[in-house]
């Protein structure tokens, strides 16, 4: 994965996000991907201090707008300090809550208004949006029972049922508004059933975002080494076939290059740059049988080199 992949987990409290985040971390790491696990509010030293302010039961006098702005401030620090650098390094970022939480908790349940919250957070994040959001669909009544059984509750968790119902309805609205990004996970299922459901959702989304292509390049032997060096320097996955000549004719080398859809053009540019077309002297062909006269062979110039390239869709690919 040459670019990062950003997954957020959303839902009412008690829906099981934390457990499934650990599963997702293992899922990606077993496939060889670097993973960053983080949360909101928090994820940075500054963000964790803001988290304490927001969730502290002693801060009952906190105003709704203050709460919304504190979330946005923590998020701005989180994005700049942690999330964006990780994505730029090609990591999978798994984040417990993001902008959607602010939209439903402050925008809907606190009645500040969705547009105001979206504007604040667009400024805070620079417009960063997840590749995939997993919404853990669990009725608030059930979620609150689970939270209560776990012991101490924070300032938001102890809000009245009506508040959490508005949060739940807000998530339903968001899912309908962004069906391509937000996928529902049935929070009433067992942990293993949820795990299987999440796995299917994630694999499908990865295929959409990182559709694979196999580029087969048959090049002149003289260009093979410099092409290999350039592809490797640009971090493309490339295999030089251990054969004498390409599979079309001797004197060629065949490369197999696995790449994402959006990297195909770069691969093609490298091939064009490194594989030269050359002039070569050849002998003129003999005349066809049956012609009269004396055949005198003579040298002619022909173009050789360049590359023959095939781009193939890859429906399934695995790291084993």
C-alpha atoms as a PDB file:
ATOM      1  CA  UNK A   1       0.000   0.000   0.000  1.00  0.00           C
ATOM      2  CA  UNK A   2       1.840   3.081  -1.252  1.00  0.00           C
ATOM      3  CA  UNK A   3      -0.637   5.545   0.239  1.00  0.00           C
ATOM      4  CA  UNK A   4      -2.430   5.517   3.562  1.00  0.00           C
ATOM      5  CA  UNK A   5      -5.892   4.186   4.277  1.00  0.00           C
ATOM      6  CA  UNK A   6      -8.074   6.009   6.819  1.00  0.00           C
ATOM      7  CA  UNK A   7     -10.799   4.104   8.694  1.00  0.00           C
ATOM      8  CA  UNK A   8     -12.970   5.645  11.400  1.00  0.00           C
ATOM      9  CA  UNK A   9     -15.234   3.780  13.799  1.00  0.00           C
ATOM     10  CA  UNK A  10     -18.426   5.463  14.942  1.00  0.00           C
ATOM     11  CA  UNK A  11     -21.479   4.622  17.002  1.00  0.00           C
ATOM     12  CA  UNK A  12     -23.308   5.086  20.259  1.00  0.00           C
ATOM     13  CA  UNK A  13     -21.432   4.251  23.449  1.00  0.00           C
ATOM     14  CA  UNK A  14     -21.232   0.559  24.315  1.00  0.00           C
ATOM     15  CA  UNK A  15     -21.418  -0.627  20.702  1.00  0.00           C
ATOM     16  CA  UNK A  16     -18.106  -2.527  20.780  1.00  0.00           C
ATOM     17  CA  UNK A  17     -15.854  -0.241  18.738  1.00  0.00           C
ATOM     18  CA  UNK A  18     -12.750  -0.772  20.872  1.00  0.00           C
ATOM     19  CA  UNK A  19     -12.865  -4.564  20.575  1.00  0.00           C
ATOM     20  CA  UNK A  20     -13.247  -4.468  16.803  1.00  0.00           C
ATOM     21  CA  UNK A  21     -10.478  -1.879  16.419  1.00  0.00           C
ATOM     22  CA  UNK A  22      -8.057  -4.391  17.938  1.00  0.00           C
ATOM     23  CA  UNK A  23      -9.255  -7.009  15.456  1.00  0.00           C
ATOM     24  CA  UNK A  24      -8.774  -4.616  12.530  1.00  0.00           C
ATOM     25  CA  UNK A  25      -5.259  -3.811  13.706  1.00  0.00           C
ATOM     26  CA  UNK A  26      -4.389  -7.515  13.693  1.00  0.00           C
ATOM     27  CA  UNK A  27      -6.118  -8.014  10.330  1.00  0.00           C
ATOM     28  CA  UNK A  28      -3.973  -5.393   8.593  1.00  0.00           C
ATOM     29  CA  UNK A  29      -0.728  -6.246  10.372  1.00  0.00           C
ATOM     30  CA  UNK A  30      -1.028  -9.901   9.364  1.00  0.00           C
ATOM     31  CA  UNK A  31      -1.176  -8.717   5.751  1.00  0.00           C
ATOM     32  CA  UNK A  32       2.004  -6.716   6.195  1.00  0.00           C
ATOM     33  CA  UNK A  33       0.537  -3.218   6.516  1.00  0.00           C
ATOM     34  CA  UNK A  34       1.775  -0.726   9.146  1.00  0.00           C
ATOM     35  CA  UNK A  35      -1.096   0.368  11.400  1.00  0.00           C
ATOM     36  CA  UNK A  36      -1.713   3.374  13.639  1.00  0.00           C
ATOM     37  CA  UNK A  37      -4.385   3.042  16.327  1.00  0.00           C
ATOM     38  CA  UNK A  38      -5.734   6.325  17.703  1.00  0.00           C
ATOM     39  CA  UNK A  39      -8.823   7.966  19.181  1.00  0.00           C
ATOM     40  CA  UNK A  40     -10.798  11.173  19.561  1.00  0.00           C
ATOM     41  CA  UNK A  41     -10.855  13.319  21.463  1.00  0.00           C
ATOM     42  CA  UNK A  42      -7.206  12.590  22.141  1.00  0.00           C
ATOM     43  CA  UNK A  43      -4.437  10.979  20.151  1.00  0.00           C
ATOM     44  CA  UNK A  44      -1.900  13.670  21.107  1.00  0.00           C
ATOM     45  CA  UNK A  45      -0.636  15.097  24.395  1.00  0.00           C
ATOM     46  CA  UNK A  46      -2.702  18.248  23.827  1.00  0.00           C
ATOM     47  CA  UNK A  47      -5.719  16.254  22.667  1.00  0.00           C
ATOM     48  CA  UNK A  48      -5.686  14.021  25.739  1.00  0.00           C
ATOM     49  CA  UNK A  49      -5.750  17.076  28.014  1.00  0.00           C
ATOM     50  CA  UNK A  50      -8.720  18.440  26.063  1.00  0.00           C
ATOM     51  CA  UNK A  51     -10.376  15.010  26.382  1.00  0.00           C
ATOM     52  CA  UNK A  52     -10.123  15.244  30.161  1.00  0.00           C
ATOM     53  CA  UNK A  53     -11.816  18.652  30.099  1.00  0.00           C
ATOM     54  CA  UNK A  54     -14.660  17.495  27.851  1.00  0.00           C
ATOM     55  CA  UNK A  55     -15.492  14.249  29.642  1.00  0.00           C
ATOM     56  CA  UNK A  56     -14.891  15.339  33.245  1.00  0.00           C
ATOM     57  CA  UNK A  57     -18.139  15.063  35.217  1.00  0.00           C
ATOM     58  CA  UNK A  58     -17.098  18.128  37.199  1.00  0.00           C
ATOM     59  CA  UNK A  59     -17.526  20.315  34.099  1.00  0.00           C
ATOM     60  CA  UNK A  60     -21.318  20.276  34.030  1.00  0.00           C
ATOM     61  CA  UNK A  61     -21.396  24.015  33.319  1.00  0.00           C
ATOM     62  CA  UNK A  62     -19.626  23.583  29.977  1.00  0.00           C
ATOM     63  CA  UNK A  63     -21.609  25.287  27.221  1.00  0.00           C
ATOM     64  CA  UNK A  64     -22.535  23.483  24.031  1.00  0.00           C
ATOM     65  CA  UNK A  65     -20.476  25.761  21.789  1.00  0.00           C
ATOM     66  CA  UNK A  66     -17.491  25.425  24.112  1.00  0.00           C
ATOM     67  CA  UNK A  67     -17.765  21.655  23.864  1.00  0.00           C
ATOM     68  CA  UNK A  68     -17.969  21.767  20.066  1.00  0.00           C
ATOM     69  CA  UNK A  69     -14.952  24.054  19.775  1.00  0.00           C
ATOM     70  CA  UNK A  70     -12.888  21.936  22.165  1.00  0.00           C
ATOM     71  CA  UNK A  71     -13.564  18.856  20.045  1.00  0.00           C
ATOM     72  CA  UNK A  72     -12.528  20.760  16.913  1.00  0.00           C
ATOM     73  CA  UNK A  73      -9.368  22.078  18.587  1.00  0.00           C
ATOM     74  CA  UNK A  74      -8.321  18.588  19.675  1.00  0.00           C
ATOM     75  CA  UNK A  75      -9.070  17.305  16.175  1.00  0.00           C
ATOM     76  CA  UNK A  76      -6.993  20.002  14.478  1.00  0.00           C
ATOM     77  CA  UNK A  77      -3.975  19.028  16.582  1.00  0.00           C
ATOM     78  CA  UNK A  78      -4.659  15.328  15.988  1.00  0.00           C
ATOM     79  CA  UNK A  79      -4.842  15.653  12.207  1.00  0.00           C
ATOM     80  CA  UNK A  80      -1.719  17.797  11.861  1.00  0.00           C
ATOM     81  CA  UNK A  81       0.436  15.956  14.390  1.00  0.00           C
ATOM     82  CA  UNK A  82      -0.630  12.330  13.952  1.00  0.00           C
ATOM     83  CA  UNK A  83      -3.130  11.397  11.246  1.00  0.00           C
ATOM     84  CA  UNK A  84      -1.757  13.190   8.178  1.00  0.00           C
ATOM     85  CA  UNK A  85       1.880  12.169   8.782  1.00  0.00           C
ATOM     86  CA  UNK A  86       0.805   8.544   9.213  1.00  0.00           C
ATOM     87  CA  UNK A  87      -1.223   8.578   6.000  1.00  0.00           C
ATOM     88  CA  UNK A  88       1.670  10.176   4.130  1.00  0.00           C
ATOM     89  CA  UNK A  89       3.885   7.320   5.350  1.00  0.00           C
ATOM     90  CA  UNK A  90       1.442   4.810   3.858  1.00  0.00           C
ATOM     91  CA  UNK A  91      -0.002   3.596   7.153  1.00  0.00           C
ATOM     92  CA  UNK A  92      -3.489   2.312   7.862  1.00  0.00           C
ATOM     93  CA  UNK A  93      -5.003   4.732  10.397  1.00  0.00           C
ATOM     94  CA  UNK A  94      -7.752   3.326  12.630  1.00  0.00           C
ATOM     95  CA  UNK A  95      -9.465   6.106  14.567  1.00  0.00           C
ATOM     96  CA  UNK A  96     -12.106   5.717  17.279  1.00  0.00           C
ATOM     97  CA  UNK A  97     -14.450   8.604  16.327  1.00  0.00           C
ATOM     98  CA  UNK A  98     -13.869  11.542  13.996  1.00  0.00           C
ATOM     99  CA  UNK A  99     -15.910  14.402  12.511  1.00  0.00           C
ATOM    100  CA  UNK A 100     -19.111  12.333  12.289  1.00  0.00           C
ATOM    101  CA  UNK A 101     -19.208  12.180  16.098  1.00  0.00           C
ATOM    102  CA  UNK A 102     -19.183  15.968  16.331  1.00  0.00           C
ATOM    103  CA  UNK A 103     -21.942  16.229  13.735  1.00  0.00           C
ATOM    104  CA  UNK A 104     -24.292  13.912  15.635  1.00  0.00           C
ATOM    105  CA  UNK A 105     -23.351  14.759  19.241  1.00  0.00           C
ATOM    106  CA  UNK A 106     -22.956  18.522  18.990  1.00  0.00           C
ATOM    107  CA  UNK A 107     -24.719  19.261  15.706  1.00  0.00           C
ATOM    108  CA  UNK A 108     -27.798  17.103  16.308  1.00  0.00           C
ATOM    109  CA  UNK A 109     -28.065  16.154  19.993  1.00  0.00           C
ATOM    110  CA  UNK A 110     -26.827  19.559  21.239  1.00  0.00           C
ATOM    111  CA  UNK A 111     -28.867  21.279  18.495  1.00  0.00           C
ATOM    112  CA  UNK A 112     -26.017  23.536  17.376  1.00  0.00           C
ATOM    113  CA  UNK A 113     -26.768  22.637  13.769  1.00  0.00           C
ATOM    114  CA  UNK A 114     -25.075  20.328  11.325  1.00  0.00           C
ATOM    115  CA  UNK A 115     -23.781  23.024   8.980  1.00  0.00           C
ATOM    116  CA  UNK A 116     -22.049  24.953  11.771  1.00  0.00           C
ATOM    117  CA  UNK A 117     -20.293  21.819  13.003  1.00  0.00           C
ATOM    118  CA  UNK A 118     -19.293  20.839   9.467  1.00  0.00           C
ATOM    119  CA  UNK A 119     -17.813  24.303   8.860  1.00  0.00           C
ATOM    120  CA  UNK A 120     -15.816  24.285  12.110  1.00  0.00           C
ATOM    121  CA  UNK A 121     -14.428  20.839  11.443  1.00  0.00           C
ATOM    122  CA  UNK A 122     -13.643  21.480   7.791  1.00  0.00           C
ATOM    123  CA  UNK A 123     -11.389  24.257   9.031  1.00  0.00           C
ATOM    124  CA  UNK A 124      -9.912  22.003  11.744  1.00  0.00           C
ATOM    125  CA  UNK A 125      -9.138  19.069   9.446  1.00  0.00           C
ATOM    126  CA  UNK A 126      -8.436  20.818   6.161  1.00  0.00           C
ATOM    127  CA  UNK A 127     -11.276  18.784   4.663  1.00  0.00           C
ATOM    128  CA  UNK A 128      -9.757  15.382   5.483  1.00  0.00           C
ATOM    129  CA  UNK A 129     -12.317  12.598   5.081  1.00  0.00           C
ATOM    130  CA  UNK A 130     -12.012   8.874   5.894  1.00  0.00           C
ATOM    131  CA  UNK A 131     -11.799   6.260   3.146  1.00  0.00           C
ATOM    132  CA  UNK A 132     -14.225   4.160   5.178  1.00  0.00           C
ATOM    133  CA  UNK A 133     -16.402   4.701   8.240  1.00  0.00           C
ATOM    134  CA  UNK A 134     -17.769   1.735  10.169  1.00  0.00           C
ATOM    135  CA  UNK A 135     -20.943   2.705  12.026  1.00  0.00           C
ATOM    136  CA  UNK A 136     -21.796   0.299  14.831  1.00  0.00           C
ATOM    137  CA  UNK A 137     -25.566   0.231  14.663  1.00  0.00           C
ATOM    138  CA  UNK A 138     -26.811  -0.397  18.195  1.00  0.00           C
ATOM    139  CA  UNK A 139     -29.990   1.114  19.692  1.00  0.00           C
ATOM    140  CA  UNK A 140     -29.061   3.581  22.450  1.00  0.00           C
ATOM    141  CA  UNK A 141     -31.048   1.709  25.104  1.00  0.00           C
ATOM    142  CA  UNK A 142     -28.848  -1.351  24.667  1.00  0.00           C
ATOM    143  CA  UNK A 143     -25.670   0.706  24.449  1.00  0.00           C
ATOM    144  CA  UNK A 144     -26.386   2.554  27.696  1.00  0.00           C
ATOM    145  CA  UNK A 145     -27.036  -0.743  29.505  1.00  0.00           C
ATOM    146  CA  UNK A 146     -23.631  -1.993  28.423  1.00  0.00           C
ATOM    147  CA  UNK A 147     -21.939   1.241  29.509  1.00  0.00           C
ATOM    148  CA  UNK A 148     -23.650   1.204  32.916  1.00  0.00           C
ATOM    149  CA  UNK A 149     -22.560  -2.375  33.543  1.00  0.00           C
ATOM    150  CA  UNK A 150     -18.957  -1.331  32.962  1.00  0.00           C
ATOM    151  CA  UNK A 151     -18.846   1.011  35.954  1.00  0.00           C
ATOM    152  CA  UNK A 152     -18.039   4.748  35.880  1.00  0.00           C
ATOM    153  CA  UNK A 153     -19.643   6.850  33.129  1.00  0.00           C
ATOM    154  CA  UNK A 154     -18.343  10.151  31.752  1.00  0.00           C
ATOM    155  CA  UNK A 155     -20.126  13.479  31.249  1.00  0.00           C
ATOM    156  CA  UNK A 156     -21.566  12.579  27.827  1.00  0.00           C
ATOM    157  CA  UNK A 157     -22.427   8.967  28.646  1.00  0.00           C
ATOM    158  CA  UNK A 158     -24.621  10.052  31.560  1.00  0.00           C
ATOM    159  CA  UNK A 159     -26.815  12.270  29.349  1.00  0.00           C
ATOM    160  CA  UNK A 160     -30.512  11.353  29.231  1.00  0.00           C
ATOM    161  CA  UNK A 161     -31.837   8.683  26.860  1.00  0.00           C
ATOM    162  CA  UNK A 162     -33.436  11.373  24.689  1.00  0.00           C
ATOM    163  CA  UNK A 163     -29.975  12.828  23.991  1.00  0.00           C
ATOM    164  CA  UNK A 164     -28.609   9.447  22.895  1.00  0.00           C
ATOM    165  CA  UNK A 165     -31.666   8.800  20.739  1.00  0.00           C
ATOM    166  CA  UNK A 166     -30.918  11.999  18.836  1.00  0.00           C
ATOM    167  CA  UNK A 167     -27.317  10.819  18.428  1.00  0.00           C
ATOM    168  CA  UNK A 168     -28.542   7.502  17.022  1.00  0.00           C
ATOM    169  CA  UNK A 169     -30.935   9.213  14.612  1.00  0.00           C
ATOM    170  CA  UNK A 170     -28.110  11.508  13.532  1.00  0.00           C
ATOM    171  CA  UNK A 171     -25.971   8.506  12.601  1.00  0.00           C
ATOM    172  CA  UNK A 172     -28.831   7.027  10.588  1.00  0.00           C
ATOM    173  CA  UNK A 173     -29.142  10.290   8.670  1.00  0.00           C
ATOM    174  CA  UNK A 174     -25.398  10.421   7.999  1.00  0.00           C
ATOM    175  CA  UNK A 175     -25.358   6.852   6.726  1.00  0.00           C
ATOM    176  CA  UNK A 176     -28.147   7.630   4.274  1.00  0.00           C
ATOM    177  CA  UNK A 177     -26.342  10.781   3.149  1.00  0.00           C
ATOM    178  CA  UNK A 178     -22.958   9.057   2.654  1.00  0.00           C
ATOM    179  CA  UNK A 179     -23.741   5.426   1.745  1.00  0.00           C
ATOM    180  CA  UNK A 180     -20.485   4.932  -0.152  1.00  0.00           C
ATOM    181  CA  UNK A 181     -18.309   5.903   2.816  1.00  0.00           C
ATOM    182  CA  UNK A 182     -20.378   4.877   5.847  1.00  0.00           C
ATOM    183  CA  UNK A 183     -21.131   1.168   6.256  1.00  0.00           C
ATOM    184  CA  UNK A 184     -23.339  -0.154   9.051  1.00  0.00           C
ATOM    185  CA  UNK A 185     -22.203  -2.987  11.309  1.00  0.00           C
ATOM    186  CA  UNK A 186     -24.926  -4.760  13.287  1.00  0.00           C
ATOM    187  CA  UNK A 187     -23.989  -4.025  16.895  1.00  0.00           C
ATOM    188  CA  UNK A 188     -26.422  -6.647  18.204  1.00  0.00           C
ATOM    189  CA  UNK A 189     -24.397  -9.500  16.699  1.00  0.00           C
ATOM    190  CA  UNK A 190     -21.788 -11.493  18.586  1.00  0.00           C
ATOM    191  CA  UNK A 191     -18.165 -10.346  18.547  1.00  0.00           C
ATOM    192  CA  UNK A 192     -17.198 -13.048  16.034  1.00  0.00           C
ATOM    193  CA  UNK A 193     -20.170 -12.300  13.774  1.00  0.00           C
ATOM    194  CA  UNK A 194     -19.313  -8.602  13.796  1.00  0.00           C
ATOM    195  CA  UNK A 195     -15.708  -9.467  13.020  1.00  0.00           C
ATOM    196  CA  UNK A 196     -16.701 -11.439   9.931  1.00  0.00           C
ATOM    197  CA  UNK A 197     -19.045  -8.666   8.800  1.00  0.00           C
ATOM    198  CA  UNK A 198     -16.317  -6.040   9.212  1.00  0.00           C
ATOM    199  CA  UNK A 199     -13.785  -8.175   7.362  1.00  0.00           C
ATOM    200  CA  UNK A 200     -16.101  -8.408   4.350  1.00  0.00           C
ATOM    201  CA  UNK A 201     -16.753  -4.662   4.347  1.00  0.00           C
ATOM    202  CA  UNK A 202     -13.059  -3.782   4.595  1.00  0.00           C
ATOM    203  CA  UNK A 203     -11.928  -6.192   1.876  1.00  0.00           C
ATOM    204  CA  UNK A 204     -14.576  -4.865  -0.505  1.00  0.00           C
ATOM    205  CA  UNK A 205     -13.568  -1.269   0.212  1.00  0.00           C
ATOM    206  CA  UNK A 206      -9.874  -1.993  -0.283  1.00  0.00           C
ATOM    207  CA  UNK A 207     -10.651  -3.412  -3.707  1.00  0.00           C
ATOM    208  CA  UNK A 208     -12.558  -0.237  -4.601  1.00  0.00           C
ATOM    209  CA  UNK A 209      -9.828   2.126  -3.432  1.00  0.00           C
ATOM    210  CA  UNK A 210      -6.790   0.067  -4.355  1.00  0.00           C
ATOM    211  CA  UNK A 211      -7.861  -1.838  -7.447  1.00  0.00           C
ATOM    212  CA  UNK A 212      -4.800  -3.720  -8.649  1.00  0.00           C
ATOM    213  CA  UNK A 213      -3.317  -3.864 -12.128  1.00  0.00           C
ATOM    214  CA  UNK A 214      -0.647  -6.203 -13.439  1.00  0.00           C
ATOM    215  CA  UNK A 215       1.634  -4.482 -15.943  1.00  0.00           C
ATOM    216  CA  UNK A 216       3.555  -6.914 -18.168  1.00  0.00           C
ATOM    217  CA  UNK A 217       6.443  -5.140 -19.892  1.00  0.00           C
ATOM    218  CA  UNK A 218       8.618  -6.833 -22.525  1.00  0.00           C
ATOM    219  CA  UNK A 219      11.719  -4.725 -23.085  1.00  0.00           C
ATOM    220  CA  UNK A 220      15.071  -4.901 -24.832  1.00  0.00           C
ATOM    221  CA  UNK A 221      17.777  -6.556 -22.735  1.00  0.00           C
ATOM    222  CA  UNK A 222      19.877  -3.385 -22.963  1.00  0.00           C
ATOM    223  CA  UNK A 223      17.173  -1.423 -21.126  1.00  0.00           C
ATOM    224  CA  UNK A 224      16.332  -4.041 -18.502  1.00  0.00           C
ATOM    225  CA  UNK A 225      18.650  -3.006 -15.676  1.00  0.00           C
ATOM    226  CA  UNK A 226      17.949   0.723 -15.808  1.00  0.00           C
ATOM    227  CA  UNK A 227      14.202   0.043 -15.969  1.00  0.00           C
ATOM    228  CA  UNK A 228      14.433  -2.246 -12.950  1.00  0.00           C
ATOM    229  CA  UNK A 229      16.420   0.362 -11.010  1.00  0.00           C
ATOM    230  CA  UNK A 230      13.920   3.126 -11.784  1.00  0.00           C
ATOM    231  CA  UNK A 231      10.862   1.035 -10.897  1.00  0.00           C
ATOM    232  CA  UNK A 232      12.492  -0.013  -7.629  1.00  0.00           C
ATOM    233  CA  UNK A 233      13.488   3.563  -6.745  1.00  0.00           C
ATOM    234  CA  UNK A 234       9.855   4.610  -7.206  1.00  0.00           C
ATOM    235  CA  UNK A 235       8.734   1.815  -4.853  1.00  0.00           C
ATOM    236  CA  UNK A 236       6.879  -0.268  -7.421  1.00  0.00           C
ATOM    237  CA  UNK A 237       6.553  -4.001  -6.848  1.00  0.00           C
ATOM    238  CA  UNK A 238       8.406  -5.558  -9.761  1.00  0.00           C
ATOM    239  CA  UNK A 239       9.574  -9.049 -10.727  1.00  0.00           C
ATOM    240  CA  UNK A 240      12.153  -9.687 -13.436  1.00  0.00           C
ATOM    241  CA  UNK A 241      11.421 -13.080 -14.905  1.00  0.00           C
ATOM    242  CA  UNK A 242      14.322 -15.518 -14.647  1.00  0.00           C
ATOM    243  CA  UNK A 243      14.278 -16.539 -18.309  1.00  0.00           C
ATOM    244  CA  UNK A 244      16.501 -16.055 -21.322  1.00  0.00           C
ATOM    245  CA  UNK A 245      14.628 -13.439 -23.275  1.00  0.00           C
ATOM    246  CA  UNK A 246      11.024 -12.342 -22.960  1.00  0.00           C
ATOM    247  CA  UNK A 247       8.194 -14.711 -23.712  1.00  0.00           C
ATOM    248  CA  UNK A 248       7.754 -13.233 -27.204  1.00  0.00           C
ATOM    249  CA  UNK A 249      11.294 -13.513 -28.548  1.00  0.00           C
ATOM    250  CA  UNK A 250      14.923 -13.841 -27.532  1.00  0.00           C
ATOM    251  CA  UNK A 251      16.869 -10.669 -26.710  1.00  0.00           C
ATOM    252  CA  UNK A 252      14.083  -9.300 -24.529  1.00  0.00           C
ATOM    253  CA  UNK A 253      13.431  -9.263 -20.789  1.00  0.00           C
ATOM    254  CA  UNK A 254       9.961  -9.583 -19.273  1.00  0.00           C
ATOM    255  CA  UNK A 255       8.898  -7.672 -16.155  1.00  0.00           C
ATOM    256  CA  UNK A 256       5.796  -8.194 -14.027  1.00  0.00           C
ATOM    257  CA  UNK A 257       4.781  -5.020 -12.174  1.00  0.00           C
ATOM    258  CA  UNK A 258       1.940  -5.048  -9.649  1.00  0.00           C
ATOM    259  CA  UNK A 259       0.476  -1.611  -8.979  1.00  0.00           C
ATOM    260  CA  UNK A 260      -2.654   0.250  -7.891  1.00  0.00           C
ATOM    261  CA  UNK A 261      -4.970   1.790 -10.481  1.00  0.00           C
ATOM    262  CA  UNK A 262      -3.803   5.331  -9.853  1.00  0.00           C
ATOM    263  CA  UNK A 263      -0.128   4.381 -10.286  1.00  0.00           C
ATOM    264  CA  UNK A 264      -0.401   2.832 -13.762  1.00  0.00           C
ATOM    265  CA  UNK A 265       0.327   6.111 -15.549  1.00  0.00           C
ATOM    266  CA  UNK A 266       3.523   6.581 -13.540  1.00  0.00           C
ATOM    267  CA  UNK A 267       4.661   3.042 -14.400  1.00  0.00           C
ATOM    268  CA  UNK A 268       3.987   3.692 -18.089  1.00  0.00           C
ATOM    269  CA  UNK A 269       5.953   6.951 -17.971  1.00  0.00           C
ATOM    270  CA  UNK A 270       8.946   5.156 -16.438  1.00  0.00           C
ATOM    271  CA  UNK A 271       8.831   2.464 -19.124  1.00  0.00           C
ATOM    272  CA  UNK A 272       8.650   5.074 -21.891  1.00  0.00           C
ATOM    273  CA  UNK A 273      11.555   6.988 -20.378  1.00  0.00           C
ATOM    274  CA  UNK A 274      13.863   4.010 -19.863  1.00  0.00           C
ATOM    275  CA  UNK A 275      13.130   1.892 -22.934  1.00  0.00           C
ATOM    276  CA  UNK A 276      14.679   3.408 -26.045  1.00  0.00           C
ATOM    277  CA  UNK A 277      13.833   2.814 -29.676  1.00  0.00           C
ATOM    278  CA  UNK A 278      17.060   2.258 -31.609  1.00  0.00           C
ATOM    279  CA  UNK A 279      18.136   2.002 -35.233  1.00  0.00           C
ATOM    280  CA  UNK A 280      19.549  -1.367 -36.196  1.00  0.00           C
ATOM    281  CA  UNK A 281      20.970  -2.555 -39.496  1.00  0.00           C
ATOM    282  CA  UNK A 282      19.337  -5.672 -40.897  1.00  0.00           C
ATOM    283  CA  UNK A 283      19.544  -7.582 -44.145  1.00  0.00           C
ATOM    284  CA  UNK A 284      16.767  -7.044 -46.631  1.00  0.00           C
ATOM    285  CA  UNK A 285      14.432 -10.026 -46.889  1.00  0.00           C
ATOM    286  CA  UNK A 286      14.780 -12.516 -49.725  1.00  0.00           C
ATOM    287  CA  UNK A 287      12.145 -12.299 -52.461  1.00  0.00           C
ATOM    288  CA  UNK A 288       9.222 -14.685 -52.433  1.00  0.00           C
ATOM    289  CA  UNK A 289       9.660 -17.882 -54.404  1.00  0.00           C
ATOM    290  CA  UNK A 290       8.772 -17.738 -58.057  1.00  0.00           C
ATOM    291  CA  UNK A 291      10.189 -14.309 -58.770  1.00  0.00           C
ATOM    292  CA  UNK A 292      12.782 -13.921 -61.504  1.00  0.00           C
ATOM    293  CA  UNK A 293      16.113 -12.155 -61.456  1.00  0.00           C
ATOM    294  CA  UNK A 294      19.114 -12.259 -59.194  1.00  0.00           C
ATOM    295  CA  UNK A 295      18.595 -11.510 -55.476  1.00  0.00           C
ATOM    296  CA  UNK A 296      21.220  -9.193 -54.027  1.00  0.00           C
ATOM    297  CA  UNK A 297      20.875  -8.699 -50.248  1.00  0.00           C
ATOM    298  CA  UNK A 298      21.474  -5.174 -48.978  1.00  0.00           C
ATOM    299  CA  UNK A 299      21.480  -3.572 -45.532  1.00  0.00           C
ATOM    300  CA  UNK A 300      18.403  -1.688 -44.299  1.00  0.00           C
ATOM    301  CA  UNK A 301      17.686   0.280 -41.109  1.00  0.00           C
ATOM    302  CA  UNK A 302      14.881  -0.905 -38.812  1.00  0.00           C
ATOM    303  CA  UNK A 303      13.569   0.360 -35.468  1.00  0.00           C
ATOM    304  CA  UNK A 304      14.075  -1.994 -32.511  1.00  0.00           C
ATOM    305  CA  UNK A 305      13.721  -1.675 -28.758  1.00  0.00           C
ATOM    306  CA  UNK A 306      11.015   0.298 -27.033  1.00  0.00           C
ATOM    307  CA  UNK A 307       8.625  -1.905 -25.108  1.00  0.00           C
ATOM    308  CA  UNK A 308       5.558  -4.061 -25.517  1.00  0.00           C
ATOM    309  CA  UNK A 309       3.234  -3.515 -22.559  1.00  0.00           C
ATOM    310  CA  UNK A 310       0.086  -5.278 -21.383  1.00  0.00           C
ATOM    311  CA  UNK A 311      -2.063  -3.922 -18.524  1.00  0.00           C
ATOM    312  CA  UNK A 312      -4.249  -6.568 -16.908  1.00  0.00           C
ATOM    313  CA  UNK A 313      -7.002  -6.147 -14.300  1.00  0.00           C
ATOM    314  CA  UNK A 314      -6.408  -8.174 -11.151  1.00  0.00           C
ATOM    315  CA  UNK A 315      -9.686  -9.202  -9.551  1.00  0.00           C
ATOM    316  CA  UNK A 316      -8.081 -10.846  -6.506  1.00  0.00           C
ATOM    317  CA  UNK A 317      -4.709 -10.347  -4.860  1.00  0.00           C
ATOM    318  CA  UNK A 318      -3.361 -11.515  -1.536  1.00  0.00           C
ATOM    319  CA  UNK A 319      -0.234 -11.154   0.585  1.00  0.00           C
ATOM    320  CA  UNK A 320       0.732 -14.672   1.684  1.00  0.00           C
END
